[in-house]
Amino acid sequence: MSELQPEDAKLVTLARSARGRTGAAEGAAVRDTDGRTYLAATVSLPSLKLSALQAAVAAAVSSGVEGLDAAAIVSAADAVESDGLAAVHDLTPSAPVHLAGPDGSHRTTVC
């Protein structure tokens, strides 16, 4: 896999921290077009289920973000889940989403 740019590697680090802090299955981070970052972990409540990527996008949108520059998700899964990817692309269809393993190693990027 190719090396991530420093700002994208920072997103992976933030996503790992969200995952580790909560013990969740996934952690995610998004960067808006102004360079601000938002992170979240998987939400699994009886009345609310959000992937980490959906939760990070929701945090960004609830703060008034209108566009995303990039996103990262840390997961044991082999692919970026479709609902989270759709949430990112609802804001910015061209925003790359970087998938990293639990150890932070970059696996793939989906645009």
N, C-alpha and C. Protein backbone atom coordinates (compact mmCIF):
# COMPACT_ATOMS: atom_id res chain seq x y z
N MET A 1 0.83 -1.18 0.00
CA MET A 1 0.00 0.00 0.00
C MET A 1 0.88 1.25 0.00
N SER A 2 0.40 2.27 -0.64
CA SER A 2 1.14 3.53 -0.67
C SER A 2 1.02 4.24 0.67
N GLU A 3 2.00 5.07 0.95
CA GLU A 3 1.99 5.85 2.18
C GLU A 3 0.94 6.95 2.09
N LEU A 4 0.30 7.22 3.20
CA LEU A 4 -0.66 8.31 3.26
C LEU A 4 0.06 9.64 3.44
N GLN A 5 -0.54 10.70 2.96
CA GLN A 5 -0.03 12.04 3.22
C GLN A 5 -0.13 12.29 4.73
N PRO A 6 0.70 13.16 5.29
CA PRO A 6 0.70 13.37 6.74
C PRO A 6 -0.68 13.73 7.33
N GLU A 7 -1.44 14.56 6.66
CA GLU A 7 -2.76 14.93 7.19
C GLU A 7 -3.73 13.75 7.18
N ASP A 8 -3.59 12.86 6.21
CA ASP A 8 -4.44 11.66 6.17
C ASP A 8 -3.99 10.64 7.20
N ALA A 9 -2.68 10.54 7.41
CA ALA A 9 -2.16 9.65 8.46
C ALA A 9 -2.66 10.12 9.83
N LYS A 10 -2.77 11.43 10.02
CA LYS A 10 -3.30 11.98 11.27
C LYS A 10 -4.75 11.52 11.47
N LEU A 11 -5.54 11.47 10.40
CA LEU A 11 -6.92 10.98 10.50
C LEU A 11 -6.94 9.54 11.00
N VAL A 12 -6.04 8.72 10.48
CA VAL A 12 -5.97 7.32 10.92
C VAL A 12 -5.62 7.26 12.41
N THR A 13 -4.68 8.07 12.85
CA THR A 13 -4.31 8.11 14.26
C THR A 13 -5.49 8.51 15.13
N LEU A 14 -6.24 9.52 14.69
CA LEU A 14 -7.43 9.95 15.45
C LEU A 14 -8.50 8.86 15.48
N ALA A 15 -8.69 8.18 14.36
CA ALA A 15 -9.67 7.09 14.29
C ALA A 15 -9.26 5.94 15.23
N ARG A 16 -7.98 5.64 15.25
CA ARG A 16 -7.49 4.60 16.17
C ARG A 16 -7.74 5.00 17.62
N SER A 17 -7.54 6.28 17.93
CA SER A 17 -7.74 6.73 19.31
C SER A 17 -9.21 6.64 19.71
N ALA A 18 -10.12 6.97 18.80
CA ALA A 18 -11.55 6.86 19.09
C ALA A 18 -11.93 5.41 19.34
N ARG A 19 -11.41 4.53 18.54
CA ARG A 19 -11.69 3.09 18.68
C ARG A 19 -11.12 2.57 20.00
N GLY A 20 -9.89 2.93 20.28
CA GLY A 20 -9.24 2.44 21.49
C GLY A 20 -9.86 2.98 22.76
N ARG A 21 -10.27 4.24 22.73
CA ARG A 21 -10.85 4.88 23.91
C ARG A 21 -12.14 4.19 24.33
N THR A 22 -12.92 3.73 23.36
CA THR A 22 -14.22 3.15 23.67
C THR A 22 -14.26 1.63 23.61
N GLY A 23 -13.23 1.04 23.02
CA GLY A 23 -13.24 -0.40 22.83
C GLY A 23 -14.21 -0.84 21.74
N ALA A 24 -14.61 0.09 20.89
CA ALA A 24 -15.57 -0.20 19.83
C ALA A 24 -14.94 -1.00 18.70
N ALA A 25 -15.78 -1.56 17.87
CA ALA A 25 -15.31 -2.33 16.72
C ALA A 25 -14.60 -1.45 15.69
N GLU A 26 -15.04 -0.20 15.58
CA GLU A 26 -14.47 0.70 14.59
C GLU A 26 -14.31 2.10 15.18
N GLY A 27 -13.36 2.83 14.63
CA GLY A 27 -13.19 4.24 14.92
C GLY A 27 -13.05 4.97 13.61
N ALA A 28 -13.49 6.21 13.55
CA ALA A 28 -13.41 6.98 12.31
C ALA A 28 -13.11 8.43 12.62
N ALA A 29 -12.55 9.10 11.63
CA ALA A 29 -12.29 10.53 11.72
C ALA A 29 -12.51 11.14 10.35
N VAL A 30 -13.04 12.35 10.34
CA VAL A 30 -13.23 13.10 9.10
C VAL A 30 -12.59 14.47 9.25
N ARG A 31 -12.12 15.02 8.14
CA ARG A 31 -11.55 16.37 8.11
C ARG A 31 -12.39 17.22 7.18
N ASP A 32 -12.83 18.38 7.69
CA ASP A 32 -13.65 19.25 6.85
C ASP A 32 -12.76 20.10 5.94
N THR A 33 -13.39 20.88 5.10
CA THR A 33 -12.66 21.67 4.12
C THR A 33 -11.90 22.83 4.75
N ASP A 34 -12.14 23.10 6.05
CA ASP A 34 -11.38 24.12 6.77
C ASP A 34 -10.24 23.51 7.59
N GLY A 35 -10.11 22.18 7.54
CA GLY A 35 -9.03 21.50 8.26
C GLY A 35 -9.39 21.02 9.66
N ARG A 36 -10.63 21.24 10.09
CA ARG A 36 -11.06 20.76 11.41
C ARG A 36 -11.36 19.27 11.33
N THR A 37 -11.13 18.57 12.43
CA THR A 37 -11.37 17.12 12.45
C THR A 37 -12.46 16.76 13.46
N TYR A 38 -13.14 15.68 13.15
CA TYR A 38 -14.22 15.15 13.99
C TYR A 38 -14.01 13.65 14.04
N LEU A 39 -14.13 13.06 15.23
CA LEU A 39 -13.93 11.63 15.33
C LEU A 39 -15.05 11.00 16.12
N ALA A 40 -15.20 9.70 15.90
CA ALA A 40 -16.27 8.96 16.57
C ALA A 40 -15.96 7.48 16.52
N ALA A 41 -16.66 6.75 17.35
CA ALA A 41 -16.59 5.29 17.36
C ALA A 41 -17.97 4.73 17.04
N THR A 42 -18.02 3.46 16.80
CA THR A 42 -19.28 2.78 16.55
C THR A 42 -20.26 3.05 17.69
N VAL A 43 -21.51 3.35 17.34
CA VAL A 43 -22.57 3.55 18.34
C VAL A 43 -23.52 2.37 18.23
N SER A 44 -23.68 1.64 19.33
CA SER A 44 -24.56 0.48 19.32
C SER A 44 -25.41 0.49 20.59
N LEU A 45 -26.55 1.18 20.48
CA LEU A 45 -27.51 1.27 21.57
C LEU A 45 -28.78 0.55 21.13
N PRO A 46 -29.63 0.17 22.06
CA PRO A 46 -30.87 -0.47 21.65
C PRO A 46 -31.69 0.38 20.67
N SER A 47 -31.66 1.70 20.82
CA SER A 47 -32.48 2.55 19.97
C SER A 47 -31.70 3.30 18.90
N LEU A 48 -30.38 3.13 18.85
CA LEU A 48 -29.57 3.87 17.89
C LEU A 48 -28.35 3.06 17.47
N LYS A 49 -28.19 2.86 16.18
CA LYS A 49 -27.05 2.14 15.64
C LYS A 49 -26.43 3.00 14.55
N LEU A 50 -25.15 3.36 14.72
CA LEU A 50 -24.40 4.11 13.72
C LEU A 50 -23.03 3.49 13.57
N SER A 51 -22.58 3.39 12.34
CA SER A 51 -21.19 3.00 12.15
C SER A 51 -20.31 4.16 12.62
N ALA A 52 -19.05 3.88 12.85
CA ALA A 52 -18.13 4.94 13.28
C ALA A 52 -18.07 6.06 12.25
N LEU A 53 -18.06 5.69 10.97
CA LEU A 53 -17.99 6.70 9.92
C LEU A 53 -19.26 7.54 9.88
N GLN A 54 -20.42 6.92 10.02
CA GLN A 54 -21.67 7.67 10.09
C GLN A 54 -21.66 8.62 11.28
N ALA A 55 -21.18 8.16 12.43
CA ALA A 55 -21.15 8.99 13.63
C ALA A 55 -20.19 10.17 13.47
N ALA A 56 -19.05 9.95 12.83
CA ALA A 56 -18.10 11.05 12.61
C ALA A 56 -18.69 12.08 11.66
N VAL A 57 -19.37 11.62 10.61
CA VAL A 57 -20.02 12.55 9.68
C VAL A 57 -21.13 13.31 10.41
N ALA A 58 -21.90 12.61 11.24
CA ALA A 58 -22.96 13.28 12.01
C ALA A 58 -22.38 14.35 12.93
N ALA A 59 -21.25 14.07 13.58
CA ALA A 59 -20.62 15.07 14.44
C ALA A 59 -20.20 16.29 13.62
N ALA A 60 -19.66 16.05 12.44
CA ALA A 60 -19.24 17.16 11.58
C ALA A 60 -20.45 17.98 11.13
N VAL A 61 -21.48 17.31 10.66
CA VAL A 61 -22.66 18.01 10.16
C VAL A 61 -23.34 18.79 11.29
N SER A 62 -23.39 18.21 12.48
CA SER A 62 -24.03 18.91 13.60
C SER A 62 -23.23 20.13 14.04
N SER A 63 -21.98 20.24 13.57
CA SER A 63 -21.15 21.42 13.84
C SER A 63 -21.19 22.42 12.70
N GLY A 64 -22.01 22.14 11.68
CA GLY A 64 -22.19 23.08 10.58
C GLY A 64 -21.33 22.85 9.36
N VAL A 65 -20.63 21.74 9.31
CA VAL A 65 -19.76 21.44 8.16
C VAL A 65 -20.60 21.25 6.90
N GLU A 66 -20.13 21.81 5.82
CA GLU A 66 -20.82 21.66 4.54
C GLU A 66 -20.05 20.82 3.54
N GLY A 67 -18.79 20.50 3.85
CA GLY A 67 -17.99 19.68 2.95
C GLY A 67 -16.85 19.01 3.69
N LEU A 68 -16.43 17.85 3.17
CA LEU A 68 -15.33 17.10 3.76
C LEU A 68 -14.16 17.02 2.79
N ASP A 69 -12.97 17.04 3.35
CA ASP A 69 -11.75 16.91 2.57
C ASP A 69 -11.33 15.45 2.48
N ALA A 70 -11.49 14.69 3.58
CA ALA A 70 -11.09 13.28 3.62
C ALA A 70 -11.66 12.63 4.87
N ALA A 71 -11.61 11.30 4.89
CA ALA A 71 -12.07 10.53 6.04
C ALA A 71 -11.18 9.31 6.19
N ALA A 72 -11.17 8.76 7.40
CA ALA A 72 -10.44 7.52 7.65
C ALA A 72 -11.26 6.67 8.61
N ILE A 73 -11.18 5.37 8.41
CA ILE A 73 -11.83 4.43 9.30
C ILE A 73 -10.83 3.35 9.67
N VAL A 74 -10.83 2.98 10.95
CA VAL A 74 -9.99 1.90 11.44
C VAL A 74 -10.91 0.76 11.81
N SER A 75 -10.67 -0.39 11.18
CA SER A 75 -11.59 -1.51 11.33
C SER A 75 -10.88 -2.81 10.98
N ALA A 76 -11.39 -3.90 11.51
CA ALA A 76 -10.91 -5.22 11.11
C ALA A 76 -11.57 -5.68 9.81
N ALA A 77 -12.58 -4.94 9.36
CA ALA A 77 -13.30 -5.30 8.13
C ALA A 77 -12.39 -5.15 6.90
N ASP A 78 -12.74 -5.84 5.85
CA ASP A 78 -11.96 -5.82 4.62
C ASP A 78 -12.33 -4.68 3.68
N ALA A 79 -13.45 -4.01 3.96
CA ALA A 79 -13.91 -2.93 3.08
C ALA A 79 -14.61 -1.86 3.92
N VAL A 80 -14.69 -0.67 3.36
CA VAL A 80 -15.42 0.43 3.99
C VAL A 80 -16.91 0.11 3.88
N GLU A 81 -17.62 0.20 4.99
CA GLU A 81 -19.05 -0.13 4.96
C GLU A 81 -19.82 0.92 4.14
N SER A 82 -20.83 0.45 3.43
CA SER A 82 -21.50 1.28 2.42
C SER A 82 -22.27 2.47 3.00
N ASP A 83 -22.90 2.33 4.16
CA ASP A 83 -23.67 3.44 4.71
C ASP A 83 -22.77 4.59 5.14
N GLY A 84 -21.64 4.28 5.74
CA GLY A 84 -20.69 5.32 6.13
C GLY A 84 -20.08 6.00 4.92
N LEU A 85 -19.73 5.21 3.91
CA LEU A 85 -19.19 5.78 2.67
C LEU A 85 -20.22 6.70 2.03
N ALA A 86 -21.48 6.29 2.03
CA ALA A 86 -22.54 7.12 1.46
C ALA A 86 -22.69 8.43 2.24
N ALA A 87 -22.56 8.38 3.56
CA ALA A 87 -22.67 9.59 4.37
C ALA A 87 -21.55 10.58 4.02
N VAL A 88 -20.33 10.09 3.87
CA VAL A 88 -19.22 10.97 3.46
C VAL A 88 -19.52 11.57 2.10
N HIS A 89 -19.94 10.74 1.17
CA HIS A 89 -20.17 11.20 -0.20
C HIS A 89 -21.44 12.03 -0.36
N ASP A 90 -22.34 11.98 0.61
CA ASP A 90 -23.48 12.91 0.61
C ASP A 90 -22.98 14.34 0.71
N LEU A 91 -21.94 14.54 1.49
CA LEU A 91 -21.37 15.88 1.65
C LEU A 91 -20.42 16.24 0.51
N THR A 92 -19.54 15.32 0.17
CA THR A 92 -18.52 15.58 -0.85
C THR A 92 -18.25 14.29 -1.62
N PRO A 93 -18.86 14.15 -2.80
CA PRO A 93 -18.72 12.91 -3.56
C PRO A 93 -17.29 12.50 -3.87
N SER A 94 -16.37 13.45 -3.94
CA SER A 94 -14.98 13.13 -4.30
C SER A 94 -14.06 12.91 -3.10
N ALA A 95 -14.59 13.00 -1.89
CA ALA A 95 -13.74 12.86 -0.70
C ALA A 95 -13.22 11.43 -0.57
N PRO A 96 -11.90 11.27 -0.43
CA PRO A 96 -11.35 9.92 -0.25
C PRO A 96 -11.62 9.41 1.16
N VAL A 97 -11.85 8.11 1.26
CA VAL A 97 -12.03 7.45 2.55
C VAL A 97 -10.94 6.39 2.66
N HIS A 98 -10.08 6.55 3.66
CA HIS A 98 -8.97 5.64 3.86
C HIS A 98 -9.36 4.58 4.88
N LEU A 99 -9.14 3.32 4.52
CA LEU A 99 -9.40 2.20 5.43
C LEU A 99 -8.07 1.70 5.97
N ALA A 100 -7.99 1.61 7.29
CA ALA A 100 -6.79 1.09 7.95
C ALA A 100 -7.18 -0.05 8.87
N GLY A 101 -6.25 -0.94 9.09
CA GLY A 101 -6.47 -2.04 10.02
C GLY A 101 -6.33 -1.56 11.45
N PRO A 102 -6.67 -2.40 12.41
CA PRO A 102 -6.58 -2.03 13.83
C PRO A 102 -5.18 -1.55 14.24
N ASP A 103 -4.15 -2.00 13.55
CA ASP A 103 -2.79 -1.57 13.86
C ASP A 103 -2.42 -0.26 13.19
N GLY A 104 -3.36 0.32 12.43
CA GLY A 104 -3.13 1.59 11.75
C GLY A 104 -2.54 1.45 10.37
N SER A 105 -2.30 0.24 9.91
CA SER A 105 -1.73 0.06 8.57
C SER A 105 -2.77 0.35 7.50
N HIS A 106 -2.39 1.17 6.54
CA HIS A 106 -3.29 1.56 5.46
C HIS A 106 -3.56 0.36 4.57
N ARG A 107 -4.86 0.10 4.32
CA ARG A 107 -5.26 -1.02 3.48
C ARG A 107 -5.67 -0.57 2.09
N THR A 108 -6.56 0.44 2.06
CA THR A 108 -7.06 0.89 0.77
C THR A 108 -7.67 2.28 0.92
N THR A 109 -7.87 2.91 -0.21
CA THR A 109 -8.56 4.21 -0.26
C THR A 109 -9.68 4.11 -1.27
N VAL A 110 -10.86 4.55 -0.86
CA VAL A 110 -12.04 4.57 -1.73
C VAL A 110 -12.38 6.01 -2.00
N CYS A 111 -12.56 6.34 -3.28
CA CYS A 111 -12.95 7.71 -3.63
C CYS A 111 -14.38 7.77 -4.10
